[in-house]
Protein backbone atom coordinates (compact mmCIF):
# COMPACT_ATOMS: atom_id res chain seq x y z
CA MET A 1 24.69 8.41 -12.36
CA LYS A 2 25.17 8.26 -8.57
CA THR A 3 24.86 4.86 -6.98
CA ALA A 4 24.03 4.10 -3.38
CA LYS A 5 24.17 0.91 -1.47
CA ILE A 6 20.56 -0.12 -0.81
CA LYS A 7 20.38 -2.07 2.42
CA ALA A 8 18.46 -5.35 2.13
CA ASP A 9 18.04 -5.75 5.89
CA LYS A 10 14.78 -4.93 7.68
CA CYS A 11 13.88 -1.29 8.14
CA ARG A 12 14.88 0.03 11.49
CA GLN A 13 12.56 2.11 13.64
CA PRO A 14 13.26 5.82 13.00
CA ALA A 15 15.27 7.25 15.85
CA ALA A 16 14.16 10.53 17.38
CA GLN A 17 17.31 12.30 16.26
CA SER A 18 18.21 15.44 14.34
CA PRO A 19 17.98 15.59 10.50
CA GLU A 20 21.75 15.03 10.39
CA SER A 21 21.30 11.43 11.59
CA THR A 22 22.66 8.52 9.54
CA ASP A 23 19.16 7.25 8.64
CA PHE A 24 18.05 10.67 7.38
CA ASN A 25 21.18 10.94 5.23
CA GLU A 26 20.45 7.45 3.82
CA VAL A 27 16.89 8.53 2.89
CA VAL A 28 18.30 11.57 1.06
CA ASN A 29 20.86 9.41 -0.80
CA LEU A 30 18.26 6.82 -1.79
CA LEU A 31 15.89 9.55 -3.03
CA ALA A 32 18.76 10.97 -5.11
CA VAL A 33 19.40 7.52 -6.67
CA PHE A 34 15.66 7.01 -7.31
CA SER A 35 15.25 10.45 -8.89
CA GLU A 36 18.30 10.03 -11.14
CA ALA A 37 17.12 6.54 -12.24
CA THR A 38 13.62 7.90 -12.98
CA SER A 39 15.08 10.79 -14.97
CA ARG A 40 17.36 8.46 -16.95
CA LEU A 41 14.42 6.12 -17.70
CA ALA A 42 12.49 9.09 -19.11
CA GLU A 43 15.52 10.03 -21.26
CA LEU A 44 15.81 6.46 -22.58
CA GLU A 45 12.09 6.36 -23.40
CA ALA A 46 12.26 9.72 -25.22
CA GLY A 47 15.33 8.50 -27.17
CA ALA A 48 13.58 5.26 -28.14
CA ASN A 49 10.53 7.22 -29.35
CA ARG A 50 12.80 9.54 -31.34
CA ASP A 51 14.63 6.56 -32.92
CA LEU A 52 11.29 4.94 -33.80
CA LEU A 53 10.04 8.09 -35.51
CA GLU A 54 13.30 8.33 -37.49
CA LEU A 55 12.98 4.69 -38.54
CA ILE A 56 9.36 5.17 -39.64
CA ASP A 57 10.37 8.35 -41.49
CA GLN A 58 12.99 6.40 -43.50
CA HIS A 59 10.36 3.95 -44.81
CA LYS A 60 7.16 6.03 -44.99
CA ASP A 61 7.37 6.76 -48.74
CA GLU A 62 7.95 3.11 -49.65
CA TYR A 63 5.22 2.03 -47.20
CA ALA A 64 2.69 4.43 -48.77
CA ALA A 65 3.66 3.30 -52.30
CA LEU A 66 3.30 -0.39 -51.38
CA GLN A 67 -0.10 0.25 -49.77
CA GLU A 68 -1.25 1.98 -52.95
CA THR A 69 0.05 -0.94 -55.06
CA CYS A 70 -1.85 -3.44 -52.88
CA LYS A 71 -5.04 -1.38 -53.14
CA LYS A 72 -4.81 -1.12 -56.96
CA THR A 73 -3.92 -4.78 -57.51
CA GLU A 74 -6.75 -5.91 -55.20
CA ALA A 75 -9.24 -3.77 -57.18
CA ALA A 76 -7.93 -5.16 -60.51
CA LEU A 77 -8.11 -8.74 -59.17
CA GLU A 78 -11.69 -8.26 -57.98
CA CYS A 79 -12.70 -6.85 -61.38
CA LEU A 80 -11.13 -9.81 -63.25
CA CYS A 81 -12.57 -12.42 -60.88
CA ARG A 82 -16.08 -10.95 -60.99
CA SER A 83 -15.95 -11.02 -64.81
CA HIS A 84 -15.15 -14.77 -64.72
CA PRO A 85 -17.72 -16.45 -62.45
CA GLU A 86 -16.94 -19.78 -64.16
CA TRP A 87 -13.63 -19.87 -62.28
CA PHE A 88 -15.56 -20.18 -59.01
CA THR A 89 -18.19 -22.79 -59.89
CA ALA A 90 -16.41 -25.72 -58.20
CA ALA A 91 -15.05 -23.72 -55.26
CA ARG A 92 -15.42 -20.17 -53.94
CA SER A 93 -11.65 -19.63 -53.91
CA LEU A 94 -8.86 -19.84 -56.46
CA LYS A 95 -5.38 -20.75 -55.22
CA THR A 96 -2.14 -20.02 -57.09
CA PRO A 97 1.56 -20.19 -56.09
CA TYR A 98 1.36 -16.41 -55.49
CA GLY A 99 -1.65 -16.40 -53.22
CA ARG A 100 -5.39 -16.88 -53.20
CA VAL A 101 -8.50 -14.97 -54.27
CA SER A 102 -11.90 -15.86 -52.84
CA PHE A 103 -15.52 -14.83 -52.57
CA ARG A 104 -17.64 -15.19 -49.48
CA SER A 105 -21.41 -15.03 -49.67
CA GLY A 106 -23.24 -13.26 -46.92
CA ALA A 107 -26.28 -11.22 -46.11
CA SER A 108 -26.66 -8.04 -44.12
CA LEU A 109 -29.69 -6.05 -43.03
CA ALA A 110 -30.41 -2.57 -44.34
CA VAL A 111 -32.54 -0.35 -42.09
CA ARG A 112 -34.27 2.50 -43.93
CA ASP A 113 -35.08 4.54 -40.79
CA GLU A 114 -33.70 3.36 -37.44
CA GLU A 115 -36.08 5.50 -35.35
CA ALA A 116 -39.12 4.25 -37.26
CA THR A 117 -37.92 0.64 -36.92
CA VAL A 118 -37.57 1.06 -33.13
CA LYS A 119 -41.11 2.50 -32.95
CA LEU A 120 -42.52 -0.37 -35.01
CA LEU A 121 -40.72 -2.90 -32.79
CA ARG A 122 -42.12 -1.20 -29.67
CA ALA A 123 -45.63 -1.19 -31.16
CA GLU A 124 -45.34 -4.93 -31.86
CA TYR A 125 -44.20 -5.44 -28.25
CA GLU A 126 -47.18 -3.45 -26.94
CA ARG A 127 -49.62 -5.44 -29.12
CA THR A 128 -48.29 -8.80 -27.94
CA LEU A 129 -48.11 -7.57 -24.32
CA ALA A 130 -51.74 -6.42 -24.42
CA ARG A 131 -52.78 -9.93 -25.38
CA HIS A 132 -51.06 -11.45 -22.33
CA GLU A 133 -51.50 -8.84 -19.60
CA ALA A 134 -54.56 -8.29 -17.41
CA ASP A 135 -55.95 -4.85 -16.55
CA GLY A 136 -55.32 -2.99 -13.26
CA ALA A 137 -51.53 -2.56 -13.25
CA THR A 138 -50.21 -0.27 -10.51
CA GLU A 139 -48.36 2.94 -11.29
CA ILE A 140 -44.74 2.24 -12.15
CA PHE A 141 -41.75 4.53 -11.79
CA GLN A 142 -40.98 5.69 -15.33
CA VAL A 143 -37.19 5.34 -15.49
CA ALA A 144 -37.27 6.47 -19.15
CA ASP A 145 -38.33 9.96 -17.95
CA TYR A 146 -35.04 10.33 -16.08
CA VAL A 147 -32.58 8.44 -18.30
CA ARG A 148 -31.54 9.38 -21.81
CA VAL A 149 -31.13 6.23 -23.89
CA VAL A 150 -30.06 5.79 -27.51
CA GLU A 151 -31.98 2.92 -29.05
CA LEU A 152 -30.97 1.12 -32.21
CA PRO A 153 -32.43 -1.98 -33.84
CA ASN A 154 -30.59 -5.16 -32.82
CA LEU A 155 -29.50 -6.41 -36.25
CA GLU A 156 -28.13 -9.71 -34.90
CA ALA A 157 -31.54 -10.56 -33.43
CA LEU A 158 -33.44 -9.30 -36.49
CA GLU A 159 -31.39 -11.59 -38.75
CA LYS A 160 -33.34 -14.53 -37.29
CA LEU A 161 -36.64 -13.20 -38.69
CA ASP A 162 -37.81 -14.14 -42.18
CA ASP A 163 -37.99 -11.55 -44.96
CA GLU A 164 -41.77 -11.12 -44.61
CA ALA A 165 -41.42 -10.29 -40.91
CA LEU A 166 -38.53 -7.91 -41.62
CA LYS A 167 -40.71 -5.90 -44.06
CA LYS A 168 -43.07 -5.03 -41.19
CA PHE A 169 -40.17 -3.23 -39.50
CA MET A 170 -38.82 -1.47 -42.64
CA VAL A 171 -35.79 -3.78 -42.79
CA THR A 172 -34.51 -5.62 -45.86
CA ARG A 173 -31.98 -8.42 -46.18
CA VAL A 174 -29.16 -7.51 -48.59
CA GLN A 175 -27.23 -10.36 -50.23
CA ALA A 176 -23.60 -9.63 -51.10
CA ASP A 177 -20.41 -11.36 -52.17
CA THR A 178 -17.30 -10.10 -50.46
CA PHE A 179 -13.98 -10.47 -52.22
CA SER A 180 -10.65 -11.08 -50.52
CA VAL A 181 -7.04 -11.49 -51.59
CA THR A 182 -4.45 -13.43 -49.59
CA ALA A 183 -0.76 -13.14 -50.43
CA ALA A 184 1.39 -16.26 -50.61
CA ALA A 185 3.21 -17.07 -47.38
CA VAL A 186 5.49 -19.82 -46.19
CA ASN A 187 3.97 -21.99 -43.47
CA PHE A 188 7.06 -22.69 -41.38
CA GLY A 189 5.22 -25.14 -39.12
CA LYS A 190 4.17 -27.21 -42.12
CA ALA A 191 7.63 -26.95 -43.70
CA VAL A 192 9.29 -28.26 -40.51
CA LYS A 193 6.85 -31.21 -40.33
CA GLU A 194 7.46 -32.07 -43.99
CA ALA A 195 11.25 -31.88 -43.50
CA ALA A 196 11.01 -34.18 -40.45
CA ALA A 197 8.88 -36.66 -42.42
CA VAL A 198 11.47 -36.72 -45.27
CA LYS A 199 14.30 -37.41 -42.77
CA ARG A 200 12.38 -40.35 -41.26
CA ASN A 201 11.93 -41.89 -44.73
């Protein structure tokens, strides 16, 4: 690649000279260096991408097989753990030298018909508003006539309501246990601390 000495001194005022002037030639040389560097950077990037794809290609079969193994073993573990609830009476997780299995209790909301729920929520709003508002409101610009809005029930807010209130809006609370598997891993931070403590003693 061509190299050119790039002057670090302050730019000089362009002289009103012909294109053959020294400054013009320097601009051409610098543009040549810049263009070659840009082109080489693009080549390096393309080469790196090519190398990455080759590397991924070498391991894709093993990667897919290991993913499948993880999926199958997780399903088998969940089946075994769900058939032995007595293992989880004292604690919601079970730890072994090879990792941990655990259950987490939680609830989510199931909406039968989102559009109907929005309408019921709006109707409730109108009913409560009518109780607090006086007659004689002036005409208001109806922004909804000019804006298209997608409305969905706010599940995070609805979670605060009790089950009886949720029924009014066609929403039910669904209880569920989620299962998770965590592989064993060395905690290097903990190992270093333990090694330091042993040395002190």
